[in-house]
Every structure is written in C-alpha cells, then in structure tokens.
Amino acid sequence: MKTTIATAAILLTVSLTACAGPAKDAQYKDVNDLGRAYEQATGVKCDETKNDIAKYGWIQTGCGKTANVMLFTSDSKRDEIKGKNPLKPGMRYVQGGNWLLSADQYEAEKAQQGLGGQILGQ
C-alpha cells in the first residue's frame, strides 16, 4: 500500500512538472532550448540549428512563418542586431536576459506570458 501511494505521488509530481511550461525570465545556453520553450509557450514549432553562437556572438532560428528566436553572448551584440533589423509593421520584440524574439503582436504577447521578458514595440 505504501509503495502504491509513493508511486502515485511521484507520477503526479512528474505530470505536474511536465505541464508547468517553460521557466519565466530564464537564461538560455542553447538557442534550440529557447526554441523549445517558445514552442511550449505558443504552440508554434521552431527549427533546430547546429550553428555555433561563438562565431558571431549571436545565433537565431525561425519559428513558424514569421517569428525568430535569438540568443546573444552580450547586451551590446543584442542591441547591435536590434538596430540593424528594424521591426516590420505588426511585429514586436520580446526581450529577456540573454535572448530576444520577434513575432507578430499576438504571438509575441503569448510568448511573453509564457517566457517572461519585456514586450518592445515599434
């Protein structure tokens, strides 16, 4: 009986953890991890990449038709990339600790609810 209760408690904990969603305001070491968190928050699938962040100080991958998630080695690199890539009408940035994403307004809002960060408009 004790074993059954302990097993049930473990399964409940694992189930609740799996449904919890991505951690808010997390720092990411891998853009593919950020992409999986974005997918978990929005339901939009992101591409996997094997590119290395060390070569240019940043890395990105696409999600769905219009979104991108980006990871940076420094704030100055993030600011440089944002400055070189102005948003198209209807798009928003969501900026977290070492990451940035661009998506249409409603998808950005949904991502921000799940991932944290701050929505930046045009």
PDB file of N, CA and C in Angstrom:
ATOM      1  N   MET A   1       0.829  -1.193   0.000  1.00  0.00           N
ATOM      2  CA  MET A   1       0.000   0.000   0.000  1.00  0.00           C
ATOM      3  C   MET A   1       0.869   1.251   0.000  1.00  0.00           C
ATOM      4  N   LYS A   2       1.926   1.280   0.845  1.00  0.00           N
ATOM      5  CA  LYS A   2       2.807   2.434   0.907  1.00  0.00           C
ATOM      6  C   LYS A   2       3.511   2.647  -0.430  1.00  0.00           C
ATOM      7  N   THR A   3       3.896   1.559  -1.082  1.00  0.00           N
ATOM      8  CA  THR A   3       4.569   1.650  -2.376  1.00  0.00           C
ATOM      9  C   THR A   3       3.632   2.236  -3.422  1.00  0.00           C
ATOM     10  N   THR A   4       2.372   1.845  -3.405  1.00  0.00           N
ATOM     11  CA  THR A   4       1.379   2.356  -4.350  1.00  0.00           C
ATOM     12  C   THR A   4       1.175   3.853  -4.163  1.00  0.00           C
ATOM     13  N   ILE A   5       1.079   4.308  -2.931  1.00  0.00           N
ATOM     14  CA  ILE A   5       0.890   5.734  -2.652  1.00  0.00           C
ATOM     15  C   ILE A   5       2.128   6.522  -3.071  1.00  0.00           C
ATOM     16  N   ALA A   6       3.313   6.000  -2.770  1.00  0.00           N
ATOM     17  CA  ALA A   6       4.554   6.683  -3.152  1.00  0.00           C
ATOM     18  C   ALA A   6       4.676   6.768  -4.663  1.00  0.00           C
ATOM     19  N   THR A   7       4.350   5.706  -5.359  1.00  0.00           N
ATOM     20  CA  THR A   7       4.399   5.697  -6.817  1.00  0.00           C
ATOM     21  C   THR A   7       3.417   6.697  -7.401  1.00  0.00           C
ATOM     22  N   ALA A   8       2.214   6.743  -6.848  1.00  0.00           N
ATOM     23  CA  ALA A   8       1.202   7.693  -7.315  1.00  0.00           C
ATOM     24  C   ALA A   8       1.665   9.129  -7.089  1.00  0.00           C
ATOM     25  N   ALA A   9       2.306   9.402  -5.965  1.00  0.00           N
ATOM     26  CA  ALA A   9       2.807  10.752  -5.668  1.00  0.00           C
ATOM     27  C   ALA A   9       3.896  11.149  -6.650  1.00  0.00           C
ATOM     28  N   ILE A  10       4.777  10.227  -6.973  1.00  0.00           N
ATOM     29  CA  ILE A  10       5.853  10.508  -7.946  1.00  0.00           C
ATOM     30  C   ILE A  10       5.266  10.785  -9.322  1.00  0.00           C
ATOM     31  N   LEU A  11       4.315   9.973  -9.760  1.00  0.00           N
ATOM     32  CA  LEU A  11       3.698  10.171 -11.067  1.00  0.00           C
ATOM     33  C   LEU A  11       2.956  11.504 -11.143  1.00  0.00           C
ATOM     34  N   LEU A  12       2.279  11.886 -10.060  1.00  0.00           N
ATOM     35  CA  LEU A  12       1.576  13.164 -10.026  1.00  0.00           C
ATOM     36  C   LEU A  12       2.570  14.315 -10.122  1.00  0.00           C
ATOM     37  N   THR A  13       3.675  14.231  -9.412  1.00  0.00           N
ATOM     38  CA  THR A  13       4.705  15.276  -9.454  1.00  0.00           C
ATOM     39  C   THR A  13       5.283  15.401 -10.852  1.00  0.00           C
ATOM     40  N   VAL A  14       5.600  14.289 -11.489  1.00  0.00           N
ATOM     41  CA  VAL A  14       6.143  14.306 -12.853  1.00  0.00           C
ATOM     42  C   VAL A  14       5.124  14.893 -13.819  1.00  0.00           C
ATOM     43  N   SER A  15       3.879  14.539 -13.691  1.00  0.00           N
ATOM     44  CA  SER A  15       2.832  15.052 -14.570  1.00  0.00           C
ATOM     45  C   SER A  15       2.667  16.555 -14.414  1.00  0.00           C
ATOM     46  N   LEU A  16       2.658  17.052 -13.192  1.00  0.00           N
ATOM     47  CA  LEU A  16       2.503  18.482 -12.950  1.00  0.00           C
ATOM     48  C   LEU A  16       3.711  19.259 -13.451  1.00  0.00           C
ATOM     49  N   THR A  17       4.902  18.700 -13.297  1.00  0.00           N
ATOM     50  CA  THR A  17       6.114  19.357 -13.772  1.00  0.00           C
ATOM     51  C   THR A  17       6.098  19.450 -15.288  1.00  0.00           C
ATOM     52  N   ALA A  18       5.659  18.421 -15.966  1.00  0.00           N
ATOM     53  CA  ALA A  18       5.622  18.418 -17.429  1.00  0.00           C
ATOM     54  C   ALA A  18       4.641  19.446 -17.968  1.00  0.00           C
ATOM     55  N   CYS A  19       3.590  19.740 -17.229  1.00  0.00           N
ATOM     56  CA  CYS A  19       2.578  20.702 -17.667  1.00  0.00           C
ATOM     57  C   CYS A  19       2.886  22.127 -17.245  1.00  0.00           C
ATOM     58  N   ALA A  20       3.936  22.330 -16.483  1.00  0.00           N
ATOM     59  CA  ALA A  20       4.220  23.632 -15.911  1.00  0.00           C
ATOM     60  C   ALA A  20       4.608  24.671 -16.953  1.00  0.00           C
ATOM     61  N   GLY A  21       5.141  24.265 -18.074  1.00  0.00           N
ATOM     62  CA  GLY A  21       5.563  25.211 -19.086  1.00  0.00           C
ATOM     63  C   GLY A  21       6.987  25.668 -18.856  1.00  0.00           C
ATOM     64  N   PRO A  22       7.475  26.537 -19.736  1.00  0.00           N
ATOM     65  CA  PRO A  22       8.863  26.982 -19.625  1.00  0.00           C
ATOM     66  C   PRO A  22       9.051  27.911 -18.429  1.00  0.00           C
ATOM     67  N   ALA A  23      10.277  27.983 -17.953  1.00  0.00           N
ATOM     68  CA  ALA A  23      10.592  28.890 -16.846  1.00  0.00           C
ATOM     69  C   ALA A  23      10.545  30.329 -17.343  1.00  0.00           C
ATOM     70  N   LYS A  24       9.949  31.205 -16.552  1.00  0.00           N
ATOM     71  CA  LYS A  24       9.892  32.622 -16.932  1.00  0.00           C
ATOM     72  C   LYS A  24      11.219  33.299 -16.642  1.00  0.00           C
ATOM     73  N   ASP A  25      11.587  34.210 -17.542  1.00  0.00           N
ATOM     74  CA  ASP A  25      12.792  35.027 -17.412  1.00  0.00           C
ATOM     75  C   ASP A  25      14.060  34.194 -17.259  1.00  0.00           C
ATOM     76  N   ALA A  26      14.098  33.056 -17.933  1.00  0.00           N
ATOM     77  CA  ALA A  26      15.258  32.166 -17.870  1.00  0.00           C
ATOM     78  C   ALA A  26      16.387  32.689 -18.755  1.00  0.00           C
ATOM     79  N   GLN A  27      17.601  32.293 -18.430  1.00  0.00           N
ATOM     80  CA  GLN A  27      18.765  32.499 -19.289  1.00  0.00           C
ATOM     81  C   GLN A  27      18.953  31.186 -20.051  1.00  0.00           C
ATOM     82  N   TYR A  28      19.258  31.271 -21.324  1.00  0.00           N
ATOM     83  CA  TYR A  28      19.425  30.074 -22.141  1.00  0.00           C
ATOM     84  C   TYR A  28      20.860  29.942 -22.607  1.00  0.00           C
ATOM     85  N   LYS A  29      21.335  28.699 -22.691  1.00  0.00           N
ATOM     86  CA  LYS A  29      22.678  28.413 -23.194  1.00  0.00           C
ATOM     87  C   LYS A  29      22.640  27.940 -24.636  1.00  0.00           C
ATOM     88  N   ASP A  30      21.471  27.528 -25.101  1.00  0.00           N
ATOM     89  CA  ASP A  30      21.333  26.949 -26.429  1.00  0.00           C
ATOM     90  C   ASP A  30      20.069  27.506 -27.078  1.00  0.00           C
ATOM     91  N   VAL A  31      20.198  27.985 -28.308  1.00  0.00           N
ATOM     92  CA  VAL A  31      19.044  28.573 -28.995  1.00  0.00           C
ATOM     93  C   VAL A  31      17.961  27.530 -29.253  1.00  0.00           C
ATOM     94  N   ASN A  32      18.336  26.272 -29.384  1.00  0.00           N
ATOM     95  CA  ASN A  32      17.329  25.232 -29.571  1.00  0.00           C
ATOM     96  C   ASN A  32      16.491  25.037 -28.306  1.00  0.00           C
ATOM     97  N   ASP A  33      17.101  25.224 -27.122  1.00  0.00           N
ATOM     98  CA  ASP A  33      16.339  25.179 -25.876  1.00  0.00           C
ATOM     99  C   ASP A  33      15.354  26.343 -25.820  1.00  0.00           C
ATOM    100  N   LEU A  34      15.812  27.529 -26.248  1.00  0.00           N
ATOM    101  CA  LEU A  34      14.921  28.688 -26.325  1.00  0.00           C
ATOM    102  C   LEU A  34      13.784  28.412 -27.301  1.00  0.00           C
ATOM    103  N   GLY A  35      14.096  27.790 -28.439  1.00  0.00           N
ATOM    104  CA  GLY A  35      13.068  27.447 -29.423  1.00  0.00           C
ATOM    105  C   GLY A  35      12.037  26.482 -28.858  1.00  0.00           C
ATOM    106  N   ARG A  36      12.493  25.504 -28.086  1.00  0.00           N
ATOM    107  CA  ARG A  36      11.549  24.556 -27.476  1.00  0.00           C
ATOM    108  C   ARG A  36      10.672  25.266 -26.439  1.00  0.00           C
ATOM    109  N   ALA A  37      11.249  26.195 -25.683  1.00  0.00           N
ATOM    110  CA  ALA A  37      10.463  26.954 -24.711  1.00  0.00           C
ATOM    111  C   ALA A  37       9.439  27.826 -25.440  1.00  0.00           C
ATOM    112  N   TYR A  38       9.837  28.428 -26.565  1.00  0.00           N
ATOM    113  CA  TYR A  38       8.918  29.242 -27.368  1.00  0.00           C
ATOM    114  C   TYR A  38       7.767  28.373 -27.875  1.00  0.00           C
ATOM    115  N   GLU A  39       8.109  27.197 -28.360  1.00  0.00           N
ATOM    116  CA  GLU A  39       7.083  26.268 -28.845  1.00  0.00           C
ATOM    117  C   GLU A  39       6.127  25.882 -27.718  1.00  0.00           C
ATOM    118  N   GLN A  40       6.665  25.640 -26.538  1.00  0.00           N
ATOM    119  CA  GLN A  40       5.825  25.277 -25.394  1.00  0.00           C
ATOM    120  C   GLN A  40       4.900  26.439 -25.014  1.00  0.00           C
ATOM    121  N   ALA A  41       5.409  27.671 -25.117  1.00  0.00           N
ATOM    122  CA  ALA A  41       4.623  28.845 -24.727  1.00  0.00           C
ATOM    123  C   ALA A  41       3.571  29.219 -25.768  1.00  0.00           C
ATOM    124  N   THR A  42       3.867  29.004 -27.046  1.00  0.00           N
ATOM    125  CA  THR A  42       2.986  29.493 -28.114  1.00  0.00           C
ATOM    126  C   THR A  42       2.316  28.410 -28.935  1.00  0.00           C
ATOM    127  N   GLY A  43       2.882  27.209 -28.928  1.00  0.00           N
ATOM    128  CA  GLY A  43       2.381  26.145 -29.793  1.00  0.00           C
ATOM    129  C   GLY A  43       2.948  26.226 -31.204  1.00  0.00           C
ATOM    130  N   VAL A  44       3.856  27.156 -31.457  1.00  0.00           N
ATOM    131  CA  VAL A  44       4.466  27.344 -32.783  1.00  0.00           C
ATOM    132  C   VAL A  44       5.815  26.638 -32.807  1.00  0.00           C
ATOM    133  N   LYS A  45       6.015  25.755 -33.781  1.00  0.00           N
ATOM    134  CA  LYS A  45       7.236  24.953 -33.878  1.00  0.00           C
ATOM    135  C   LYS A  45       8.403  25.786 -34.383  1.00  0.00           C
ATOM    136  N   CYS A  46       9.562  25.590 -33.770  1.00  0.00           N
ATOM    137  CA  CYS A  46      10.801  26.258 -34.183  1.00  0.00           C
ATOM    138  C   CYS A  46      11.730  25.261 -34.861  1.00  0.00           C
ATOM    139  N   ASP A  47      12.505  25.765 -35.823  1.00  0.00           N
ATOM    140  CA  ASP A  47      13.516  24.945 -36.489  1.00  0.00           C
ATOM    141  C   ASP A  47      14.673  24.678 -35.534  1.00  0.00           C
ATOM    142  N   GLU A  48      15.346  23.562 -35.731  1.00  0.00           N
ATOM    143  CA  GLU A  48      16.565  23.251 -34.980  1.00  0.00           C
ATOM    144  C   GLU A  48      17.755  23.775 -35.782  1.00  0.00           C
ATOM    145  N   THR A  49      18.796  24.217 -35.095  1.00  0.00           N
ATOM    146  CA  THR A  49      20.010  24.665 -35.767  1.00  0.00           C
ATOM    147  C   THR A  49      21.227  24.050 -35.105  1.00  0.00           C
ATOM    148  N   LYS A  50      22.273  23.865 -35.886  1.00  0.00           N
ATOM    149  CA  LYS A  50      23.533  23.343 -35.355  1.00  0.00           C
ATOM    150  C   LYS A  50      24.608  24.424 -35.361  1.00  0.00           C
ATOM    151  N   ASN A  51      24.242  25.642 -35.721  1.00  0.00           N
ATOM    152  CA  ASN A  51      25.203  26.736 -35.755  1.00  0.00           C
ATOM    153  C   ASN A  51      25.715  27.040 -34.354  1.00  0.00           C
ATOM    154  N   ASP A  52      26.894  27.637 -34.299  1.00  0.00           N
ATOM    155  CA  ASP A  52      27.567  27.920 -33.037  1.00  0.00           C
ATOM    156  C   ASP A  52      27.487  29.406 -32.715  1.00  0.00           C
ATOM    157  N   ILE A  53      27.034  29.740 -31.517  1.00  0.00           N
ATOM    158  CA  ILE A  53      26.896  31.128 -31.087  1.00  0.00           C
ATOM    159  C   ILE A  53      28.250  31.835 -30.982  1.00  0.00           C
ATOM    160  N   ALA A  54      29.314  31.088 -30.725  1.00  0.00           N
ATOM    161  CA  ALA A  54      30.630  31.689 -30.500  1.00  0.00           C
ATOM    162  C   ALA A  54      31.181  32.394 -31.746  1.00  0.00           C
ATOM    163  N   LYS A  55      30.812  31.948 -32.915  1.00  0.00           N
ATOM    164  CA  LYS A  55      31.392  32.509 -34.148  1.00  0.00           C
ATOM    165  C   LYS A  55      31.049  33.986 -34.336  1.00  0.00           C
ATOM    166  N   TYR A  56      29.796  34.372 -34.097  1.00  0.00           N
ATOM    167  CA  TYR A  56      29.361  35.751 -34.321  1.00  0.00           C
ATOM    168  C   TYR A  56      28.867  36.459 -33.061  1.00  0.00           C
ATOM    169  N   GLY A  57      28.770  35.753 -31.954  1.00  0.00           N
ATOM    170  CA  GLY A  57      28.273  36.366 -30.726  1.00  0.00           C
ATOM    171  C   GLY A  57      26.764  36.342 -30.611  1.00  0.00           C
ATOM    172  N   TRP A  58      26.117  35.721 -31.581  1.00  0.00           N
ATOM    173  CA  TRP A  58      24.664  35.562 -31.517  1.00  0.00           C
ATOM    174  C   TRP A  58      24.252  34.451 -32.474  1.00  0.00           C
ATOM    175  N   ILE A  59      23.040  33.985 -32.290  1.00  0.00           N
ATOM    176  CA  ILE A  59      22.505  32.907 -33.124  1.00  0.00           C
ATOM    177  C   ILE A  59      20.986  33.038 -33.140  1.00  0.00           C
ATOM    178  N   GLN A  60      20.376  32.600 -34.225  1.00  0.00           N
ATOM    179  CA  GLN A  60      18.917  32.650 -34.313  1.00  0.00           C
ATOM    180  C   GLN A  60      18.390  31.408 -35.007  1.00  0.00           C
ATOM    181  N   THR A  61      17.106  31.186 -34.819  1.00  0.00           N
ATOM    182  CA  THR A  61      16.404  30.159 -35.568  1.00  0.00           C
ATOM    183  C   THR A  61      14.967  30.616 -35.779  1.00  0.00           C
ATOM    184  N   GLY A  62      14.359  30.139 -36.840  1.00  0.00           N
ATOM    185  CA  GLY A  62      12.990  30.535 -37.186  1.00  0.00           C
ATOM    186  C   GLY A  62      11.949  29.683 -36.496  1.00  0.00           C
ATOM    187  N   CYS A  63      10.802  30.312 -36.270  1.00  0.00           N
ATOM    188  CA  CYS A  63       9.667  29.637 -35.639  1.00  0.00           C
ATOM    189  C   CYS A  63       8.416  29.982 -36.444  1.00  0.00           C
ATOM    190  N   GLY A  64       7.751  28.971 -36.957  1.00  0.00           N
ATOM    191  CA  GLY A  64       6.551  29.216 -37.753  1.00  0.00           C
ATOM    192  C   GLY A  64       6.886  30.009 -39.004  1.00  0.00           C
ATOM    193  N   LYS A  65       5.936  30.832 -39.462  1.00  0.00           N
ATOM    194  CA  LYS A  65       6.122  31.573 -40.709  1.00  0.00           C
ATOM    195  C   LYS A  65       6.897  32.871 -40.541  1.00  0.00           C
ATOM    196  N   THR A  66       6.781  33.529 -39.374  1.00  0.00           N
ATOM    197  CA  THR A  66       7.367  34.866 -39.258  1.00  0.00           C
ATOM    198  C   THR A  66       8.227  35.111 -38.021  1.00  0.00           C
ATOM    199  N   ALA A  67       8.189  34.248 -37.042  1.00  0.00           N
ATOM    200  CA  ALA A  67       8.891  34.512 -35.781  1.00  0.00           C
ATOM    201  C   ALA A  67      10.341  34.025 -35.828  1.00  0.00           C
ATOM    202  N   ASN A  68      11.183  34.669 -35.024  1.00  0.00           N
ATOM    203  CA  ASN A  68      12.569  34.265 -34.839  1.00  0.00           C
ATOM    204  C   ASN A  68      12.905  34.352 -33.359  1.00  0.00           C
ATOM    205  N   VAL A  69      13.680  33.387 -32.871  1.00  0.00           N
ATOM    206  CA  VAL A  69      14.229  33.470 -31.524  1.00  0.00           C
ATOM    207  C   VAL A  69      15.739  33.615 -31.664  1.00  0.00           C
ATOM    208  N   MET A  70      16.315  34.487 -30.840  1.00  0.00           N
ATOM    209  CA  MET A  70      17.732  34.808 -30.937  1.00  0.00           C
ATOM    210  C   MET A  70      18.382  34.759 -29.565  1.00  0.00           C
ATOM    211  N   LEU A  71      19.612  34.320 -29.537  1.00  0.00           N
ATOM    212  CA  LEU A  71      20.396  34.209 -28.313  1.00  0.00           C
ATOM    213  C   LEU A  71      21.681  35.003 -28.508  1.00  0.00           C
ATOM    214  N   PHE A  72      22.142  35.694 -27.454  1.00  0.00           N
ATOM    215  CA  PHE A  72      23.287  36.593 -27.561  1.00  0.00           C
ATOM    216  C   PHE A  72      24.311  36.322 -26.472  1.00  0.00           C
ATOM    217  N   THR A  73      25.576  36.614 -26.802  1.00  0.00           N
ATOM    218  CA  THR A  73      26.643  36.488 -25.814  1.00  0.00           C
ATOM    219  C   THR A  73      26.812  37.766 -25.001  1.00  0.00           C
ATOM    220  N   SER A  74      26.224  38.893 -25.467  1.00  0.00           N
ATOM    221  CA  SER A  74      26.348  40.157 -24.730  1.00  0.00           C
ATOM    222  C   SER A  74      25.175  41.078 -25.053  1.00  0.00           C
ATOM    223  N   ASP A  75      24.934  42.027 -24.163  1.00  0.00           N
ATOM    224  CA  ASP A  75      23.886  43.027 -24.393  1.00  0.00           C
ATOM    225  C   ASP A  75      24.235  43.904 -25.594  1.00  0.00           C
ATOM    226  N   SER A  76      25.516  44.218 -25.764  1.00  0.00           N
ATOM    227  CA  SER A  76      25.905  45.078 -26.888  1.00  0.00           C
ATOM    228  C   SER A  76      25.651  44.395 -28.227  1.00  0.00           C
ATOM    229  N   LYS A  77      25.854  43.092 -28.296  1.00  0.00           N
ATOM    230  CA  LYS A  77      25.569  42.354 -29.541  1.00  0.00           C
ATOM    231  C   LYS A  77      24.064  42.342 -29.787  1.00  0.00           C
ATOM    232  N   ARG A  78      23.276  42.144 -28.743  1.00  0.00           N
ATOM    233  CA  ARG A  78      21.818  42.177 -28.888  1.00  0.00           C
ATOM    234  C   ARG A  78      21.371  43.539 -29.405  1.00  0.00           C
ATOM    235  N   ASP A  79      21.887  44.613 -28.823  1.00  0.00           N
ATOM    236  CA  ASP A  79      21.500  45.961 -29.242  1.00  0.00           C
ATOM    237  C   ASP A  79      21.926  46.235 -30.682  1.00  0.00           C
ATOM    238  N   GLU A  80      23.093  45.740 -31.070  1.00  0.00           N
ATOM    239  CA  GLU A  80      23.565  45.892 -32.449  1.00  0.00           C
ATOM    240  C   GLU A  80      22.617  45.203 -33.438  1.00  0.00           C
ATOM    241  N   ILE A  81      22.245  43.987 -33.141  1.00  0.00           N
ATOM    242  CA  ILE A  81      21.371  43.218 -34.033  1.00  0.00           C
ATOM    243  C   ILE A  81      19.983  43.858 -34.099  1.00  0.00           C
ATOM    244  N   LYS A  82      19.457  44.307 -32.966  1.00  0.00           N
ATOM    245  CA  LYS A  82      18.160  45.004 -32.989  1.00  0.00           C
ATOM    246  C   LYS A  82      18.238  46.259 -33.854  1.00  0.00           C
ATOM    247  N   GLY A  83      19.324  46.995 -33.739  1.00  0.00           N
ATOM    248  CA  GLY A  83      19.482  48.214 -34.515  1.00  0.00           C
ATOM    249  C   GLY A  83      19.573  47.973 -36.008  1.00  0.00           C
ATOM    250  N   LYS A  84      20.143  46.849 -36.400  1.00  0.00           N
ATOM    251  CA  LYS A  84      20.297  46.506 -37.820  1.00  0.00           C
ATOM    252  C   LYS A  84      19.046  45.867 -38.420  1.00  0.00           C
ATOM    253  N   ASN A  85      18.104  45.476 -37.580  1.00  0.00           N
ATOM    254  CA  ASN A  85      16.922  44.744 -38.043  1.00  0.00           C
ATOM    255  C   ASN A  85      15.645  45.369 -37.503  1.00  0.00           C
ATOM    256  N   PRO A  86      15.236  46.512 -38.062  1.00  0.00           N
ATOM    257  CA  PRO A  86      14.001  47.142 -37.573  1.00  0.00           C
ATOM    258  C   PRO A  86      12.802  46.222 -37.799  1.00  0.00           C
ATOM    259  N   LEU A  87      11.849  46.330 -36.904  1.00  0.00           N
ATOM    260  CA  LEU A  87      10.647  45.502 -36.992  1.00  0.00           C
ATOM    261  C   LEU A  87       9.752  45.931 -38.148  1.00  0.00           C
ATOM    262  N   LYS A  88       9.125  44.959 -38.764  1.00  0.00           N
ATOM    263  CA  LYS A  88       8.110  45.234 -39.783  1.00  0.00           C
ATOM    264  C   LYS A  88       6.812  45.609 -39.071  1.00  0.00           C
ATOM    265  N   PRO A  89       5.921  46.314 -39.749  1.00  0.00           N
ATOM    266  CA  PRO A  89       4.639  46.670 -39.126  1.00  0.00           C
ATOM    267  C   PRO A  89       3.914  45.432 -38.574  1.00  0.00           C
ATOM    268  N   GLY A  90       3.381  45.569 -37.375  1.00  0.00           N
ATOM    269  CA  GLY A  90       2.638  44.480 -36.741  1.00  0.00           C
ATOM    270  C   GLY A  90       3.501  43.517 -35.946  1.00  0.00           C
ATOM    271  N   MET A  91       4.822  43.670 -36.017  1.00  0.00           N
ATOM    272  CA  MET A  91       5.731  42.775 -35.296  1.00  0.00           C
ATOM    273  C   MET A  91       6.158  43.420 -33.983  1.00  0.00           C
ATOM    274  N   ARG A  92       6.570  42.587 -33.032  1.00  0.00           N
ATOM    275  CA  ARG A  92       7.055  43.046 -31.742  1.00  0.00           C
ATOM    276  C   ARG A  92       8.284  42.228 -31.358  1.00  0.00           C
ATOM    277  N   TYR A  93       9.136  42.840 -30.560  1.00  0.00           N
ATOM    278  CA  TYR A  93      10.217  42.117 -29.902  1.00  0.00           C
ATOM    279  C   TYR A  93       9.757  41.750 -28.503  1.00  0.00           C
ATOM    280  N   VAL A  94      10.245  40.619 -28.003  1.00  0.00           N
ATOM    281  CA  VAL A  94      10.173  40.287 -26.587  1.00  0.00           C
ATOM    282  C   VAL A  94      11.623  40.056 -26.176  1.00  0.00           C
ATOM    283  N   GLN A  95      12.067  40.813 -25.192  1.00  0.00           N
ATOM    284  CA  GLN A  95      13.461  40.767 -24.773  1.00  0.00           C
ATOM    285  C   GLN A  95      13.579  40.180 -23.385  1.00  0.00           C
ATOM    286  N   GLY A  96      14.411  39.143 -23.279  1.00  0.00           N
ATOM    287  CA  GLY A  96      14.700  38.522 -21.994  1.00  0.00           C
ATOM    288  C   GLY A  96      16.156  38.744 -21.625  1.00  0.00           C
ATOM    289  N   GLY A  97      16.641  38.011 -20.656  1.00  0.00           N
ATOM    290  CA  GLY A  97      18.002  38.189 -20.152  1.00  0.00           C
ATOM    291  C   GLY A  97      19.071  38.153 -21.226  1.00  0.00           C
ATOM    292  N   ASN A  98      19.241  37.030 -21.898  1.00  0.00           N
ATOM    293  CA  ASN A  98      20.243  36.907 -22.960  1.00  0.00           C
ATOM    294  C   ASN A  98      19.596  36.509 -24.285  1.00  0.00           C
ATOM    295  N   TRP A  99      18.316  36.787 -24.419  1.00  0.00           N
ATOM    296  CA  TRP A  99      17.595  36.381 -25.619  1.00  0.00           C
ATOM    297  C   TRP A  99      16.653  37.480 -26.086  1.00  0.00           C
ATOM    298  N   LEU A 100      16.225  37.313 -27.328  1.00  0.00           N
ATOM    299  CA  LEU A 100      15.287  38.228 -27.961  1.00  0.00           C
ATOM    300  C   LEU A 100      14.479  37.406 -28.938  1.00  0.00           C
ATOM    301  N   LEU A 101      13.218  37.743 -29.092  1.00  0.00           N
ATOM    302  CA  LEU A 101      12.431  37.105 -30.134  1.00  0.00           C
ATOM    303  C   LEU A 101      11.647  38.178 -30.864  1.00  0.00           C
ATOM    304  N   SER A 102      11.364  37.909 -32.102  1.00  0.00           N
ATOM    305  CA  SER A 102      10.489  38.783 -32.882  1.00  0.00           C
ATOM    306  C   SER A 102       9.336  37.935 -33.394  1.00  0.00           C
ATOM    307  N   ALA A 103       8.145  38.489 -33.278  1.00  0.00           N
ATOM    308  CA  ALA A 103       6.942  37.765 -33.701  1.00  0.00           C
ATOM    309  C   ALA A 103       5.830  38.781 -33.914  1.00  0.00           C
ATOM    310  N   ASP A 104       4.749  38.347 -34.567  1.00  0.00           N
ATOM    311  CA  ASP A 104       3.619  39.265 -34.707  1.00  0.00           C
ATOM    312  C   ASP A 104       3.081  39.578 -33.307  1.00  0.00           C
ATOM    313  N   GLN A 105       2.356  40.659 -33.200  1.00  0.00           N
ATOM    314  CA  GLN A 105       1.948  41.194 -31.899  1.00  0.00           C
ATOM    315  C   GLN A 105       1.304  40.153 -30.998  1.00  0.00           C
ATOM    316  N   TYR A 106       0.332  39.414 -31.507  1.00  0.00           N
ATOM    317  CA  TYR A 106      -0.413  38.480 -30.655  1.00  0.00           C
ATOM    318  C   TYR A 106       0.431  37.279 -30.254  1.00  0.00           C
ATOM    319  N   GLU A 107       1.278  36.815 -31.165  1.00  0.00           N
ATOM    320  CA  GLU A 107       2.166  35.704 -30.831  1.00  0.00           C
ATOM    321  C   GLU A 107       3.228  36.170 -29.826  1.00  0.00           C
ATOM    322  N   ALA A 108       3.700  37.407 -29.981  1.00  0.00           N
ATOM    323  CA  ALA A 108       4.670  37.975 -29.042  1.00  0.00           C
ATOM    324  C   ALA A 108       4.060  38.075 -27.641  1.00  0.00           C
ATOM    325  N   GLU A 109       2.812  38.500 -27.570  1.00  0.00           N
ATOM    326  CA  GLU A 109       2.138  38.597 -26.269  1.00  0.00           C
ATOM    327  C   GLU A 109       2.009  37.228 -25.613  1.00  0.00           C
ATOM    328  N   LYS A 110       1.664  36.233 -26.410  1.00  0.00           N
ATOM    329  CA  LYS A 110       1.539  34.871 -25.890  1.00  0.00           C
ATOM    330  C   LYS A 110       2.905  34.353 -25.428  1.00  0.00           C
ATOM    331  N   ALA A 111       3.945  34.624 -26.214  1.00  0.00           N
ATOM    332  CA  ALA A 111       5.291  34.199 -25.837  1.00  0.00           C
ATOM    333  C   ALA A 111       5.723  34.874 -24.542  1.00  0.00           C
ATOM    334  N   GLN A 112       5.446  36.160 -24.409  1.00  0.00           N
ATOM    335  CA  GLN A 112       5.840  36.901 -23.219  1.00  0.00           C
ATOM    336  C   GLN A 112       5.137  36.351 -21.975  1.00  0.00           C
ATOM    337  N   GLN A 113       3.884  35.961 -22.116  1.00  0.00           N
ATOM    338  CA  GLN A 113       3.166  35.371 -20.983  1.00  0.00           C
ATOM    339  C   GLN A 113       3.834  34.092 -20.515  1.00  0.00           C
ATOM    340  N   GLY A 114       4.351  33.296 -21.453  1.00  0.00           N
ATOM    341  CA  GLY A 114       4.974  32.026 -21.097  1.00  0.00           C
ATOM    342  C   GLY A 114       6.440  32.121 -20.748  1.00  0.00           C
ATOM    343  N   LEU A 115       7.177  33.018 -21.434  1.00  0.00           N
ATOM    344  CA  LEU A 115       8.626  33.086 -21.260  1.00  0.00           C
ATOM    345  C   LEU A 115       9.088  34.205 -20.345  1.00  0.00           C
ATOM    346  N   GLY A 116       8.226  35.190 -20.124  1.00  0.00           N
ATOM    347  CA  GLY A 116       8.655  36.369 -19.387  1.00  0.00           C
ATOM    348  C   GLY A 116       9.271  37.359 -20.352  1.00  0.00           C
ATOM    349  N   GLY A 117      10.156  38.171 -19.858  1.00  0.00           N
ATOM    350  CA  GLY A 117      10.747  39.204 -20.701  1.00  0.00           C
ATOM    351  C   GLY A 117       9.837  40.413 -20.829  1.00  0.00           C
ATOM    352  N   GLN A 118      10.242  41.328 -21.673  1.00  0.00           N
ATOM    353  CA  GLN A 118       9.515  42.578 -21.858  1.00  0.00           C
ATOM    354  C   GLN A 118       9.164  42.763 -23.331  1.00  0.00           C
ATOM    355  N   ILE A 119       7.921  43.117 -23.608  1.00  0.00           N
ATOM    356  CA  ILE A 119       7.496  43.400 -24.980  1.00  0.00           C
ATOM    357  C   ILE A 119       7.995  44.784 -25.364  1.00  0.00           C
ATOM    358  N   LEU A 120       8.634  44.848 -26.523  1.00  0.00           N
ATOM    359  CA  LEU A 120       9.124  46.099 -27.064  1.00  0.00           C
ATOM    360  C   LEU A 120       8.405  46.347 -28.378  1.00  0.00           C
ATOM    361  N   GLY A 121       7.777  47.491 -28.517  1.00  0.00           N
ATOM    362  CA  GLY A 121       7.030  47.801 -29.734  1.00  0.00           C
ATOM    363  C   GLY A 121       7.909  48.379 -30.806  1.00  0.00           C
ATOM    364  N   GLN A 122       7.252  48.955 -31.779  1.00  0.00           N
ATOM    365  CA  GLN A 122       7.980  49.504 -32.919  1.00  0.00           C
ATOM    366  C   GLN A 122       8.523  50.855 -32.621  1.00  0.00           C
TER     367      GLN A 122
END
